[in-house]
Amino acid sequence: MTEERRPLRIAFFGGSFDPPHLGHLAIAEALIKQFELDEFVLVPAFHAPHKRSAPTSAFDRYAMLCLATQHEPRISVSRIEIEMPQRPYSVETLERLTQMLPHEEISFVMGADSWRDIRTWRDWERLFEMTDHIVVTRPGFPIETDHVTEAVRERIVDVRGNEGPVETDAKARNIYFSDAVKMELSSTEIRKKIKQGDDSWRTDVPESVAKYIIKYQIYS
């Protein structure tokens, strides 16, 4: 009689990643440690439905993410959104992931700005009923809770300042506030630096990503 394996703990982090930078990798590494994750998956969006401006081509952003994570055994990149014929909303992507991985413990990661704007997302309340969520706070960026419902607020678990591993309950559908990452980087600022000819952006991204951006003149 074979023993049943324990469910894998997998976190999915969606975004434009335009470009991916060291802050994204720091989030992955910190949450892998804090939540004892087996895998951290970056999910580049074909085009975020709630954003007005179109990002850099999905191919280039996917390629840069693959380069950035090529030496990270627990960090991977998913094509689930960029291969879909329609531009999916996060609730649709998460629904597909839970169907594809019914026996694993899934978490959905979002930044402080996404948490602030969550009421603009499609079916945002249902989103929180599907899996655990991890909200990554930013230095100097206040985290409010007045904009969400009481039912959502009741599931918030504040683990900021927690040095050790976080105990999670896969059935509780909790929302964790984590300050595990102190680094403050912005893809918008990196693009701006490149357009302005400010070479200091090269230290904000992995070397392989910097070489790709320069070779293919992604933001020039």
N, C-alpha and C. Protein backbone atom coordinates (compact mmCIF):
# COMPACT_ATOMS: atom_id res chain seq x y z
N MET A 1 0.85 -1.20 0.00
CA MET A 1 0.00 0.00 0.00
C MET A 1 0.88 1.24 0.00
N THR A 2 0.69 2.11 -0.98
CA THR A 2 1.54 3.31 -1.09
C THR A 2 0.94 4.45 -0.28
N GLU A 3 1.82 5.22 0.32
CA GLU A 3 1.37 6.38 1.09
C GLU A 3 1.01 7.52 0.14
N GLU A 4 -0.05 8.22 0.49
CA GLU A 4 -0.42 9.40 -0.30
C GLU A 4 0.55 10.53 0.00
N ARG A 5 1.00 11.17 -1.06
CA ARG A 5 1.92 12.29 -0.86
C ARG A 5 1.14 13.50 -0.34
N ARG A 6 1.84 14.37 0.35
CA ARG A 6 1.18 15.58 0.83
C ARG A 6 0.94 16.53 -0.35
N PRO A 7 -0.07 17.37 -0.26
CA PRO A 7 -0.30 18.34 -1.33
C PRO A 7 0.89 19.28 -1.48
N LEU A 8 1.18 19.63 -2.71
CA LEU A 8 2.24 20.61 -2.96
C LEU A 8 1.72 22.01 -2.65
N ARG A 9 2.58 22.82 -2.09
CA ARG A 9 2.23 24.22 -1.85
C ARG A 9 2.77 25.05 -3.01
N ILE A 10 1.86 25.61 -3.79
CA ILE A 10 2.24 26.35 -4.99
C ILE A 10 1.61 27.74 -4.96
N ALA A 11 2.44 28.76 -5.15
CA ALA A 11 1.94 30.14 -5.21
C ALA A 11 2.05 30.66 -6.63
N PHE A 12 1.02 31.35 -7.08
CA PHE A 12 0.99 31.93 -8.41
C PHE A 12 0.97 33.46 -8.29
N PHE A 13 1.87 34.09 -9.02
CA PHE A 13 2.00 35.55 -8.96
C PHE A 13 1.84 36.10 -10.37
N GLY A 14 0.70 36.74 -10.62
CA GLY A 14 0.44 37.29 -11.95
C GLY A 14 0.84 38.74 -12.05
N GLY A 15 1.14 39.18 -13.27
CA GLY A 15 1.50 40.57 -13.48
C GLY A 15 1.99 40.79 -14.90
N SER A 16 2.28 42.04 -15.21
CA SER A 16 2.81 42.36 -16.54
C SER A 16 4.28 41.97 -16.66
N PHE A 17 5.05 42.18 -15.55
CA PHE A 17 6.49 41.90 -15.56
C PHE A 17 7.14 42.58 -16.77
N ASP A 18 7.01 43.88 -16.79
CA ASP A 18 7.38 44.66 -17.98
C ASP A 18 8.35 45.78 -17.64
N PRO A 19 9.65 45.45 -17.35
CA PRO A 19 10.28 44.14 -17.38
C PRO A 19 10.28 43.47 -16.00
N PRO A 20 10.64 42.17 -15.95
CA PRO A 20 10.85 41.52 -14.66
C PRO A 20 12.10 42.10 -14.01
N HIS A 21 12.07 42.29 -12.71
CA HIS A 21 13.22 42.89 -12.03
C HIS A 21 13.57 42.11 -10.76
N LEU A 22 14.60 42.57 -10.07
CA LEU A 22 15.08 41.86 -8.89
C LEU A 22 14.05 41.85 -7.77
N GLY A 23 13.15 42.82 -7.76
CA GLY A 23 12.10 42.84 -6.75
C GLY A 23 11.15 41.66 -6.91
N HIS A 24 10.85 41.31 -8.16
CA HIS A 24 9.98 40.15 -8.41
C HIS A 24 10.63 38.87 -7.89
N LEU A 25 11.92 38.73 -8.14
CA LEU A 25 12.63 37.54 -7.66
C LEU A 25 12.72 37.53 -6.14
N ALA A 26 12.89 38.71 -5.55
CA ALA A 26 12.96 38.80 -4.08
C ALA A 26 11.65 38.37 -3.45
N ILE A 27 10.52 38.74 -4.08
CA ILE A 27 9.22 38.32 -3.59
C ILE A 27 9.11 36.79 -3.63
N ALA A 28 9.50 36.21 -4.76
CA ALA A 28 9.43 34.76 -4.90
C ALA A 28 10.26 34.06 -3.84
N GLU A 29 11.50 34.49 -3.68
CA GLU A 29 12.41 33.84 -2.73
C GLU A 29 11.94 33.99 -1.29
N ALA A 30 11.44 35.18 -0.95
CA ALA A 30 10.99 35.43 0.42
C ALA A 30 9.75 34.62 0.76
N LEU A 31 8.80 34.55 -0.18
CA LEU A 31 7.56 33.82 0.10
C LEU A 31 7.77 32.30 0.08
N ILE A 32 8.70 31.84 -0.74
CA ILE A 32 9.05 30.41 -0.70
C ILE A 32 9.51 30.02 0.71
N LYS A 33 10.29 30.90 1.31
CA LYS A 33 10.81 30.64 2.66
C LYS A 33 9.71 30.84 3.71
N GLN A 34 8.99 31.95 3.63
CA GLN A 34 8.02 32.28 4.68
C GLN A 34 6.84 31.31 4.71
N PHE A 35 6.39 30.86 3.53
CA PHE A 35 5.22 29.98 3.47
C PHE A 35 5.60 28.54 3.12
N GLU A 36 6.90 28.26 3.13
CA GLU A 36 7.41 26.90 2.86
C GLU A 36 6.80 26.32 1.58
N LEU A 37 6.93 27.09 0.52
CA LEU A 37 6.35 26.71 -0.76
C LEU A 37 7.23 25.69 -1.49
N ASP A 38 6.58 24.82 -2.23
CA ASP A 38 7.31 23.89 -3.08
C ASP A 38 7.63 24.52 -4.42
N GLU A 39 6.78 25.43 -4.85
CA GLU A 39 6.98 26.07 -6.15
C GLU A 39 6.34 27.46 -6.15
N PHE A 40 7.01 28.38 -6.82
CA PHE A 40 6.49 29.74 -7.00
C PHE A 40 6.41 29.97 -8.51
N VAL A 41 5.22 30.28 -9.00
CA VAL A 41 5.01 30.39 -10.44
C VAL A 41 4.66 31.82 -10.83
N LEU A 42 5.45 32.37 -11.73
CA LEU A 42 5.19 33.71 -12.27
C LEU A 42 4.29 33.57 -13.49
N VAL A 43 3.23 34.36 -13.54
CA VAL A 43 2.24 34.25 -14.60
C VAL A 43 2.15 35.58 -15.35
N PRO A 44 2.91 35.73 -16.45
CA PRO A 44 2.81 36.97 -17.22
C PRO A 44 1.45 37.10 -17.89
N ALA A 45 0.85 38.26 -17.76
CA ALA A 45 -0.45 38.52 -18.36
C ALA A 45 -0.29 38.85 -19.84
N PHE A 46 -1.20 38.34 -20.67
CA PHE A 46 -1.20 38.74 -22.07
C PHE A 46 -1.44 40.24 -22.14
N HIS A 47 -2.43 40.69 -21.40
CA HIS A 47 -2.69 42.12 -21.22
C HIS A 47 -3.64 42.25 -20.05
N ALA A 48 -3.22 42.94 -19.00
CA ALA A 48 -4.07 43.08 -17.82
C ALA A 48 -5.35 43.81 -18.20
N PRO A 49 -6.52 43.19 -18.02
CA PRO A 49 -7.78 43.78 -18.46
C PRO A 49 -8.09 45.12 -17.82
N HIS A 50 -7.58 45.36 -16.58
CA HIS A 50 -7.92 46.60 -15.89
C HIS A 50 -6.91 47.72 -16.17
N LYS A 51 -5.91 47.45 -17.02
CA LYS A 51 -4.94 48.48 -17.35
C LYS A 51 -5.21 49.04 -18.74
N ARG A 52 -5.04 50.33 -18.87
CA ARG A 52 -5.38 50.99 -20.14
C ARG A 52 -4.32 50.78 -21.21
N SER A 53 -3.06 50.95 -20.83
CA SER A 53 -1.99 50.87 -21.82
C SER A 53 -1.55 49.43 -22.04
N ALA A 54 -1.28 49.09 -23.29
CA ALA A 54 -0.83 47.73 -23.63
C ALA A 54 0.63 47.56 -23.25
N PRO A 55 0.98 46.41 -22.69
CA PRO A 55 2.38 46.19 -22.30
C PRO A 55 3.23 45.75 -23.49
N THR A 56 4.51 45.55 -23.22
CA THR A 56 5.43 44.99 -24.20
C THR A 56 4.91 43.61 -24.62
N SER A 57 5.31 43.15 -25.79
CA SER A 57 4.78 41.88 -26.31
C SER A 57 4.94 40.75 -25.29
N ALA A 58 3.94 39.89 -25.27
CA ALA A 58 3.94 38.76 -24.34
C ALA A 58 5.17 37.88 -24.55
N PHE A 59 5.60 37.73 -25.81
CA PHE A 59 6.76 36.89 -26.11
C PHE A 59 8.00 37.43 -25.39
N ASP A 60 8.24 38.74 -25.50
CA ASP A 60 9.43 39.32 -24.88
C ASP A 60 9.37 39.23 -23.36
N ARG A 61 8.22 39.48 -22.78
CA ARG A 61 8.11 39.43 -21.32
C ARG A 61 8.27 37.99 -20.81
N TYR A 62 7.74 37.04 -21.56
CA TYR A 62 7.90 35.63 -21.18
C TYR A 62 9.37 35.23 -21.29
N ALA A 63 10.02 35.64 -22.37
CA ALA A 63 11.44 35.31 -22.57
C ALA A 63 12.30 35.89 -21.45
N MET A 64 12.02 37.14 -21.07
CA MET A 64 12.80 37.77 -20.01
C MET A 64 12.58 37.06 -18.67
N LEU A 65 11.35 36.64 -18.39
CA LEU A 65 11.09 35.90 -17.15
C LEU A 65 11.82 34.56 -17.13
N CYS A 66 11.84 33.89 -18.26
CA CYS A 66 12.56 32.60 -18.34
C CYS A 66 14.05 32.80 -18.10
N LEU A 67 14.61 33.86 -18.65
CA LEU A 67 16.01 34.15 -18.42
C LEU A 67 16.27 34.48 -16.95
N ALA A 68 15.36 35.25 -16.36
CA ALA A 68 15.53 35.69 -14.97
C ALA A 68 15.47 34.53 -13.98
N THR A 69 14.73 33.47 -14.34
CA THR A 69 14.50 32.36 -13.38
C THR A 69 15.21 31.08 -13.78
N GLN A 70 16.08 31.12 -14.78
CA GLN A 70 16.66 29.89 -15.31
C GLN A 70 17.49 29.12 -14.29
N HIS A 71 18.02 29.79 -13.28
CA HIS A 71 18.85 29.10 -12.28
C HIS A 71 18.12 28.95 -10.95
N GLU A 72 16.80 29.16 -10.94
CA GLU A 72 16.00 29.07 -9.71
C GLU A 72 15.11 27.82 -9.76
N PRO A 73 15.50 26.74 -9.09
CA PRO A 73 14.77 25.47 -9.21
C PRO A 73 13.32 25.52 -8.75
N ARG A 74 13.00 26.40 -7.81
CA ARG A 74 11.63 26.44 -7.29
C ARG A 74 10.78 27.54 -7.93
N ILE A 75 11.37 28.31 -8.82
CA ILE A 75 10.63 29.39 -9.47
C ILE A 75 10.45 29.04 -10.94
N SER A 76 9.21 29.07 -11.42
CA SER A 76 8.94 28.75 -12.81
C SER A 76 8.05 29.82 -13.44
N VAL A 77 7.83 29.70 -14.74
CA VAL A 77 7.03 30.67 -15.48
C VAL A 77 5.92 29.93 -16.21
N SER A 78 4.70 30.42 -16.11
CA SER A 78 3.56 29.78 -16.74
C SER A 78 3.10 30.57 -17.97
N ARG A 79 2.68 29.83 -19.01
CA ARG A 79 2.15 30.46 -20.23
C ARG A 79 0.61 30.45 -20.23
N ILE A 80 0.00 30.13 -19.10
CA ILE A 80 -1.44 29.92 -19.06
C ILE A 80 -2.25 31.12 -19.57
N GLU A 81 -1.78 32.34 -19.30
CA GLU A 81 -2.54 33.51 -19.73
C GLU A 81 -2.15 33.96 -21.13
N ILE A 82 -0.89 33.91 -21.47
CA ILE A 82 -0.48 34.43 -22.78
C ILE A 82 -0.86 33.49 -23.91
N GLU A 83 -1.23 32.23 -23.59
CA GLU A 83 -1.65 31.30 -24.64
C GLU A 83 -3.17 31.25 -24.82
N MET A 84 -3.90 31.92 -23.95
CA MET A 84 -5.36 31.90 -24.07
C MET A 84 -5.80 32.84 -25.18
N PRO A 85 -6.80 32.44 -25.99
CA PRO A 85 -7.25 33.27 -27.10
C PRO A 85 -7.90 34.58 -26.65
N GLN A 86 -8.55 34.54 -25.48
CA GLN A 86 -9.15 35.74 -24.92
C GLN A 86 -8.25 36.28 -23.81
N ARG A 87 -8.37 37.56 -23.54
CA ARG A 87 -7.61 38.13 -22.44
C ARG A 87 -8.31 37.77 -21.13
N PRO A 88 -7.75 36.84 -20.37
CA PRO A 88 -8.47 36.34 -19.19
C PRO A 88 -8.38 37.29 -18.00
N TYR A 89 -9.43 37.29 -17.20
CA TYR A 89 -9.40 37.97 -15.91
C TYR A 89 -8.76 37.02 -14.90
N SER A 90 -8.25 37.59 -13.81
CA SER A 90 -7.57 36.76 -12.80
C SER A 90 -8.49 35.68 -12.24
N VAL A 91 -9.76 36.00 -12.07
CA VAL A 91 -10.70 35.01 -11.53
C VAL A 91 -10.83 33.81 -12.48
N GLU A 92 -10.74 34.06 -13.78
CA GLU A 92 -10.82 32.97 -14.76
C GLU A 92 -9.55 32.14 -14.74
N THR A 93 -8.40 32.81 -14.64
CA THR A 93 -7.13 32.08 -14.56
C THR A 93 -7.08 31.22 -13.31
N LEU A 94 -7.49 31.80 -12.18
CA LEU A 94 -7.44 31.06 -10.92
C LEU A 94 -8.40 29.87 -10.95
N GLU A 95 -9.52 30.05 -11.61
CA GLU A 95 -10.48 28.94 -11.75
C GLU A 95 -9.86 27.79 -12.54
N ARG A 96 -9.15 28.12 -13.61
CA ARG A 96 -8.48 27.10 -14.41
C ARG A 96 -7.39 26.40 -13.59
N LEU A 97 -6.63 27.16 -12.82
CA LEU A 97 -5.55 26.58 -12.03
C LEU A 97 -6.08 25.62 -10.97
N THR A 98 -7.17 25.99 -10.32
CA THR A 98 -7.73 25.11 -9.29
C THR A 98 -8.30 23.83 -9.91
N GLN A 99 -8.76 23.94 -11.15
CA GLN A 99 -9.25 22.75 -11.85
C GLN A 99 -8.09 21.85 -12.29
N MET A 100 -6.99 22.48 -12.70
CA MET A 100 -5.82 21.73 -13.16
C MET A 100 -5.07 21.08 -12.00
N LEU A 101 -5.14 21.71 -10.82
CA LEU A 101 -4.37 21.25 -9.66
C LEU A 101 -5.29 21.04 -8.46
N PRO A 102 -6.26 20.14 -8.58
CA PRO A 102 -7.27 20.00 -7.53
C PRO A 102 -6.75 19.48 -6.20
N HIS A 103 -5.58 18.84 -6.21
CA HIS A 103 -5.08 18.22 -4.98
C HIS A 103 -3.95 19.02 -4.32
N GLU A 104 -3.61 20.18 -4.90
CA GLU A 104 -2.51 20.98 -4.35
C GLU A 104 -3.03 22.17 -3.54
N GLU A 105 -2.18 22.69 -2.68
CA GLU A 105 -2.52 23.88 -1.90
C GLU A 105 -2.05 25.11 -2.67
N ILE A 106 -2.99 25.84 -3.23
CA ILE A 106 -2.68 26.97 -4.10
C ILE A 106 -2.85 28.30 -3.37
N SER A 107 -1.90 29.18 -3.59
CA SER A 107 -2.00 30.56 -3.10
C SER A 107 -1.88 31.50 -4.29
N PHE A 108 -2.57 32.62 -4.19
CA PHE A 108 -2.51 33.65 -5.24
C PHE A 108 -1.87 34.88 -4.63
N VAL A 109 -0.81 35.36 -5.26
CA VAL A 109 -0.03 36.47 -4.72
C VAL A 109 -0.37 37.77 -5.45
N MET A 110 -0.51 38.84 -4.69
CA MET A 110 -0.73 40.15 -5.31
C MET A 110 0.04 41.22 -4.55
N GLY A 111 0.32 42.32 -5.23
CA GLY A 111 1.02 43.42 -4.61
C GLY A 111 0.07 44.36 -3.88
N ALA A 112 0.65 45.32 -3.16
CA ALA A 112 -0.16 46.27 -2.39
C ALA A 112 -1.04 47.12 -3.30
N ASP A 113 -0.55 47.44 -4.49
CA ASP A 113 -1.35 48.27 -5.40
C ASP A 113 -2.56 47.49 -5.92
N SER A 114 -2.38 46.19 -6.16
CA SER A 114 -3.50 45.35 -6.60
C SER A 114 -4.55 45.24 -5.49
N TRP A 115 -4.08 45.08 -4.25
CA TRP A 115 -5.00 45.02 -3.12
C TRP A 115 -5.80 46.32 -3.02
N ARG A 116 -5.12 47.44 -3.20
CA ARG A 116 -5.80 48.74 -3.13
C ARG A 116 -6.90 48.85 -4.19
N ASP A 117 -6.62 48.31 -5.39
CA ASP A 117 -7.55 48.46 -6.51
C ASP A 117 -8.44 47.23 -6.71
N ILE A 118 -8.49 46.34 -5.74
CA ILE A 118 -9.13 45.03 -5.94
C ILE A 118 -10.60 45.15 -6.33
N ARG A 119 -11.27 46.19 -5.91
CA ARG A 119 -12.70 46.31 -6.24
C ARG A 119 -12.92 46.58 -7.73
N THR A 120 -11.86 46.92 -8.46
CA THR A 120 -11.99 47.12 -9.91
C THR A 120 -11.84 45.81 -10.67
N TRP A 121 -11.49 44.74 -9.99
CA TRP A 121 -11.26 43.44 -10.63
C TRP A 121 -12.59 42.72 -10.84
N ARG A 122 -12.66 41.93 -11.88
CA ARG A 122 -13.85 41.15 -12.18
C ARG A 122 -14.09 40.10 -11.07
N ASP A 123 -15.30 40.05 -10.53
CA ASP A 123 -15.69 39.05 -9.51
C ASP A 123 -14.69 38.96 -8.37
N TRP A 124 -14.28 40.12 -7.87
CA TRP A 124 -13.19 40.14 -6.88
C TRP A 124 -13.54 39.39 -5.59
N GLU A 125 -14.81 39.41 -5.18
CA GLU A 125 -15.17 38.70 -3.96
C GLU A 125 -15.07 37.18 -4.15
N ARG A 126 -15.45 36.71 -5.33
CA ARG A 126 -15.34 35.27 -5.62
C ARG A 126 -13.88 34.84 -5.68
N LEU A 127 -13.03 35.75 -6.14
CA LEU A 127 -11.59 35.47 -6.20
C LEU A 127 -11.06 35.03 -4.84
N PHE A 128 -11.50 35.72 -3.78
CA PHE A 128 -11.01 35.42 -2.44
C PHE A 128 -11.61 34.15 -1.86
N GLU A 129 -12.63 33.61 -2.48
CA GLU A 129 -13.24 32.37 -1.99
C GLU A 129 -12.60 31.13 -2.60
N MET A 130 -11.72 31.31 -3.59
CA MET A 130 -11.20 30.18 -4.34
C MET A 130 -9.92 29.59 -3.76
N THR A 131 -9.04 30.43 -3.25
CA THR A 131 -7.75 29.96 -2.72
C THR A 131 -7.30 30.90 -1.60
N ASP A 132 -6.19 30.55 -0.97
CA ASP A 132 -5.50 31.50 -0.09
C ASP A 132 -4.91 32.62 -0.95
N HIS A 133 -4.73 33.78 -0.34
CA HIS A 133 -4.09 34.91 -1.03
C HIS A 133 -2.98 35.46 -0.14
N ILE A 134 -1.94 35.95 -0.79
CA ILE A 134 -0.84 36.60 -0.07
C ILE A 134 -0.68 38.00 -0.65
N VAL A 135 -0.86 39.01 0.18
CA VAL A 135 -0.68 40.40 -0.24
C VAL A 135 0.69 40.86 0.22
N VAL A 136 1.54 41.21 -0.73
CA VAL A 136 2.90 41.64 -0.43
C VAL A 136 2.90 43.15 -0.26
N THR A 137 3.14 43.59 0.95
CA THR A 137 3.12 45.03 1.23
C THR A 137 4.41 45.69 0.76
N ARG A 138 4.35 47.02 0.62
CA ARG A 138 5.51 47.78 0.16
C ARG A 138 5.91 48.79 1.22
N PRO A 139 7.22 49.07 1.33
CA PRO A 139 7.68 50.06 2.31
C PRO A 139 7.02 51.43 2.06
N GLY A 140 6.43 51.98 3.10
CA GLY A 140 5.82 53.30 2.98
C GLY A 140 4.49 53.33 2.27
N PHE A 141 3.94 52.16 1.95
CA PHE A 141 2.66 52.09 1.24
C PHE A 141 1.62 51.56 2.22
N PRO A 142 0.71 52.39 2.69
CA PRO A 142 -0.27 51.95 3.69
C PRO A 142 -1.22 50.90 3.13
N ILE A 143 -1.55 49.92 3.97
CA ILE A 143 -2.49 48.88 3.59
C ILE A 143 -3.82 49.14 4.30
N GLU A 144 -4.84 49.43 3.52
CA GLU A 144 -6.16 49.70 4.07
C GLU A 144 -7.05 48.46 3.91
N THR A 145 -8.09 48.40 4.72
CA THR A 145 -9.05 47.29 4.62
C THR A 145 -10.49 47.77 4.52
N ASP A 146 -10.70 49.09 4.60
CA ASP A 146 -12.06 49.63 4.58
C ASP A 146 -12.77 49.40 3.25
N HIS A 147 -12.00 49.18 2.18
CA HIS A 147 -12.61 49.08 0.85
C HIS A 147 -13.14 47.68 0.54
N VAL A 148 -12.87 46.72 1.41
CA VAL A 148 -13.37 45.36 1.18
C VAL A 148 -14.51 45.05 2.15
N THR A 149 -15.22 43.97 1.90
CA THR A 149 -16.37 43.62 2.72
C THR A 149 -15.93 43.04 4.07
N GLU A 150 -16.86 43.02 5.00
CA GLU A 150 -16.58 42.46 6.32
C GLU A 150 -16.19 40.98 6.21
N ALA A 151 -16.85 40.26 5.29
CA ALA A 151 -16.54 38.84 5.10
C ALA A 151 -15.09 38.64 4.67
N VAL A 152 -14.60 39.54 3.84
CA VAL A 152 -13.20 39.46 3.40
C VAL A 152 -12.27 39.86 4.53
N ARG A 153 -12.61 40.92 5.25
CA ARG A 153 -11.76 41.37 6.36
C ARG A 153 -11.59 40.30 7.43
N GLU A 154 -12.62 39.50 7.64
CA GLU A 154 -12.55 38.46 8.67
C GLU A 154 -11.52 37.38 8.35
N ARG A 155 -11.13 37.27 7.09
CA ARG A 155 -10.18 36.23 6.69
C ARG A 155 -8.75 36.75 6.58
N ILE A 156 -8.53 38.02 6.92
CA ILE A 156 -7.18 38.59 6.85
C ILE A 156 -6.34 38.10 8.02
N VAL A 157 -5.14 37.61 7.70
CA VAL A 157 -4.18 37.20 8.71
C VAL A 157 -2.92 38.03 8.50
N ASP A 158 -2.61 38.88 9.46
CA ASP A 158 -1.46 39.78 9.33
C ASP A 158 -0.21 39.08 9.85
N VAL A 159 0.70 38.72 8.95
CA VAL A 159 1.93 38.04 9.37
C VAL A 159 3.14 38.96 9.19
N ARG A 160 2.89 40.26 9.09
CA ARG A 160 4.00 41.20 9.00
C ARG A 160 4.81 41.16 10.29
N GLY A 161 6.11 41.14 10.14
CA GLY A 161 6.99 41.04 11.29
C GLY A 161 7.25 39.62 11.75
N ASN A 162 6.61 38.66 11.10
CA ASN A 162 6.79 37.25 11.45
C ASN A 162 8.07 36.73 10.81
N GLU A 163 9.01 36.33 11.63
CA GLU A 163 10.31 35.89 11.13
C GLU A 163 10.30 34.42 10.69
N GLY A 164 9.52 33.60 11.35
CA GLY A 164 9.52 32.17 11.06
C GLY A 164 8.49 31.79 10.02
N PRO A 165 8.43 30.50 9.66
CA PRO A 165 7.44 30.02 8.69
C PRO A 165 6.00 30.27 9.18
N VAL A 166 5.13 30.56 8.25
CA VAL A 166 3.73 30.83 8.58
C VAL A 166 2.93 29.54 8.53
N GLU A 167 2.14 29.30 9.56
CA GLU A 167 1.26 28.14 9.57
C GLU A 167 -0.01 28.50 8.78
N THR A 168 -0.32 27.72 7.77
CA THR A 168 -1.48 28.00 6.94
C THR A 168 -2.53 26.91 7.08
N ASP A 169 -3.76 27.27 6.72
CA ASP A 169 -4.87 26.33 6.74
C ASP A 169 -5.47 26.33 5.34
N ALA A 170 -5.25 25.25 4.60
CA ALA A 170 -5.67 25.20 3.20
C ALA A 170 -7.17 25.35 3.02
N LYS A 171 -7.95 25.03 4.05
CA LYS A 171 -9.41 25.09 3.92
C LYS A 171 -9.99 26.43 4.33
N ALA A 172 -9.17 27.30 4.91
CA ALA A 172 -9.69 28.54 5.48
C ALA A 172 -9.84 29.67 4.46
N ARG A 173 -9.13 29.59 3.34
CA ARG A 173 -9.15 30.66 2.33
C ARG A 173 -8.77 32.00 2.96
N ASN A 174 -7.60 32.01 3.60
CA ASN A 174 -7.13 33.21 4.28
C ASN A 174 -6.47 34.19 3.33
N ILE A 175 -6.36 35.43 3.79
CA ILE A 175 -5.65 36.49 3.06
C ILE A 175 -4.52 36.95 3.97
N TYR A 176 -3.30 36.67 3.58
CA TYR A 176 -2.14 36.98 4.42
C TYR A 176 -1.50 38.29 3.99
N PHE A 177 -1.24 39.17 4.95
CA PHE A 177 -0.48 40.39 4.70
C PHE A 177 0.97 40.10 5.08
N SER A 178 1.87 40.15 4.10
CA SER A 178 3.27 39.83 4.34
C SER A 178 4.18 41.02 4.02
N ASP A 179 5.14 41.27 4.89
CA ASP A 179 6.14 42.31 4.62
C ASP A 179 7.52 41.66 4.46
N ALA A 180 7.54 40.45 3.94
CA ALA A 180 8.79 39.69 3.83
C ALA A 180 9.78 40.34 2.88
N VAL A 181 9.30 41.23 2.01
CA VAL A 181 10.19 41.87 1.03
C VAL A 181 10.27 43.37 1.31
N LYS A 182 11.48 43.86 1.53
CA LYS A 182 11.68 45.29 1.82
C LYS A 182 12.14 46.06 0.59
N MET A 183 12.44 45.36 -0.48
CA MET A 183 12.97 45.99 -1.69
C MET A 183 11.88 46.76 -2.42
N GLU A 184 12.21 47.95 -2.90
CA GLU A 184 11.25 48.79 -3.61
C GLU A 184 11.77 49.08 -5.02
N LEU A 185 11.23 48.34 -5.99
CA LEU A 185 11.59 48.55 -7.39
C LEU A 185 10.32 48.66 -8.22
N SER A 186 10.41 49.35 -9.34
CA SER A 186 9.24 49.58 -10.18
C SER A 186 9.58 49.36 -11.65
N SER A 187 8.79 48.52 -12.32
CA SER A 187 8.99 48.31 -13.76
C SER A 187 8.79 49.61 -14.52
N THR A 188 7.83 50.42 -14.07
CA THR A 188 7.57 51.71 -14.72
C THR A 188 8.80 52.60 -14.67
N GLU A 189 9.45 52.66 -13.49
CA GLU A 189 10.65 53.49 -13.34
C GLU A 189 11.80 52.95 -14.18
N ILE A 190 11.91 51.63 -14.28
CA ILE A 190 12.97 51.03 -15.10
C ILE A 190 12.78 51.41 -16.56
N ARG A 191 11.56 51.32 -17.06
CA ARG A 191 11.29 51.72 -18.45
C ARG A 191 11.60 53.19 -18.67
N LYS A 192 11.27 53.99 -17.68
CA LYS A 192 11.53 55.44 -17.78
C LYS A 192 13.04 55.72 -17.84
N LYS A 193 13.80 55.01 -17.00
CA LYS A 193 15.26 55.19 -17.00
C LYS A 193 15.85 54.82 -18.36
N ILE A 194 15.37 53.72 -18.94
CA ILE A 194 15.90 53.28 -20.23
C ILE A 194 15.63 54.33 -21.30
N LYS A 195 14.42 54.86 -21.33
CA LYS A 195 14.07 55.88 -22.33
C LYS A 195 14.88 57.16 -22.14
N GLN A 196 15.25 57.44 -20.89
CA GLN A 196 16.02 58.65 -20.59
C GLN A 196 17.52 58.45 -20.74
N GLY A 197 17.94 57.21 -21.03
CA GLY A 197 19.36 56.93 -21.18
C GLY A 197 20.10 56.82 -19.86
N ASP A 198 19.38 56.58 -18.78
CA ASP A 198 19.96 56.43 -17.45
C ASP A 198 20.33 54.96 -17.25
N ASP A 199 21.62 54.65 -17.32
CA ASP A 199 22.07 53.25 -17.27
C ASP A 199 21.97 52.60 -15.89
N SER A 200 21.55 53.35 -14.88
CA SER A 200 21.47 52.77 -13.54
C SER A 200 20.42 51.66 -13.45
N TRP A 201 19.52 51.57 -14.45
CA TRP A 201 18.49 50.53 -14.45
C TRP A 201 19.09 49.12 -14.52
N ARG A 202 20.31 49.02 -15.04
CA ARG A 202 20.90 47.69 -15.23
C ARG A 202 21.10 46.94 -13.92
N THR A 203 21.23 47.66 -12.82
CA THR A 203 21.41 47.00 -11.52
C THR A 203 20.07 46.60 -10.91
N ASP A 204 18.97 46.98 -11.55
CA ASP A 204 17.64 46.66 -11.02
C ASP A 204 17.07 45.36 -11.58
N VAL A 205 17.73 44.79 -12.57
CA VAL A 205 17.24 43.56 -13.22
C VAL A 205 18.37 42.53 -13.25
N PRO A 206 18.04 41.24 -13.40
CA PRO A 206 19.09 40.23 -13.56
C PRO A 206 19.94 40.55 -14.80
N GLU A 207 21.20 40.17 -14.76
CA GLU A 207 22.12 40.48 -15.86
C GLU A 207 21.60 39.93 -17.19
N SER A 208 21.04 38.72 -17.16
CA SER A 208 20.53 38.11 -18.40
C SER A 208 19.39 38.94 -18.99
N VAL A 209 18.56 39.52 -18.14
CA VAL A 209 17.46 40.36 -18.60
C VAL A 209 17.99 41.67 -19.18
N ALA A 210 18.99 42.24 -18.53
CA ALA A 210 19.59 43.48 -19.03
C ALA A 210 20.17 43.26 -20.44
N LYS A 211 20.84 42.14 -20.63
CA LYS A 211 21.43 41.84 -21.94
C LYS A 211 20.35 41.68 -23.00
N TYR A 212 19.26 41.06 -22.63
CA TYR A 212 18.14 40.86 -23.57
C TYR A 212 17.54 42.20 -23.97
N ILE A 213 17.31 43.05 -22.98
CA ILE A 213 16.72 44.38 -23.23
C ILE A 213 17.62 45.19 -24.16
N ILE A 214 18.93 45.14 -23.91
CA ILE A 214 19.87 45.91 -24.73
C ILE A 214 19.96 45.33 -26.13
N LYS A 215 20.07 44.02 -26.23
CA LYS A 215 20.23 43.37 -27.54
C LYS A 215 19.05 43.63 -28.45
N TYR A 216 17.83 43.55 -27.90
CA TYR A 216 16.63 43.67 -28.72
C TYR A 216 15.96 45.04 -28.60
N GLN A 217 16.62 45.94 -27.88
CA GLN A 217 16.15 47.34 -27.74
C GLN A 217 14.67 47.38 -27.37
N ILE A 218 14.33 46.65 -26.32
CA ILE A 218 12.92 46.46 -25.94
C ILE A 218 12.24 47.78 -25.59
N TYR A 219 12.92 48.64 -24.87
CA TYR A 219 12.25 49.87 -24.42
C TYR A 219 12.86 51.13 -25.01
N SER A 220 13.71 50.97 -25.99
CA SER A 220 14.38 52.14 -26.57
C SER A 220 13.50 52.80 -27.64
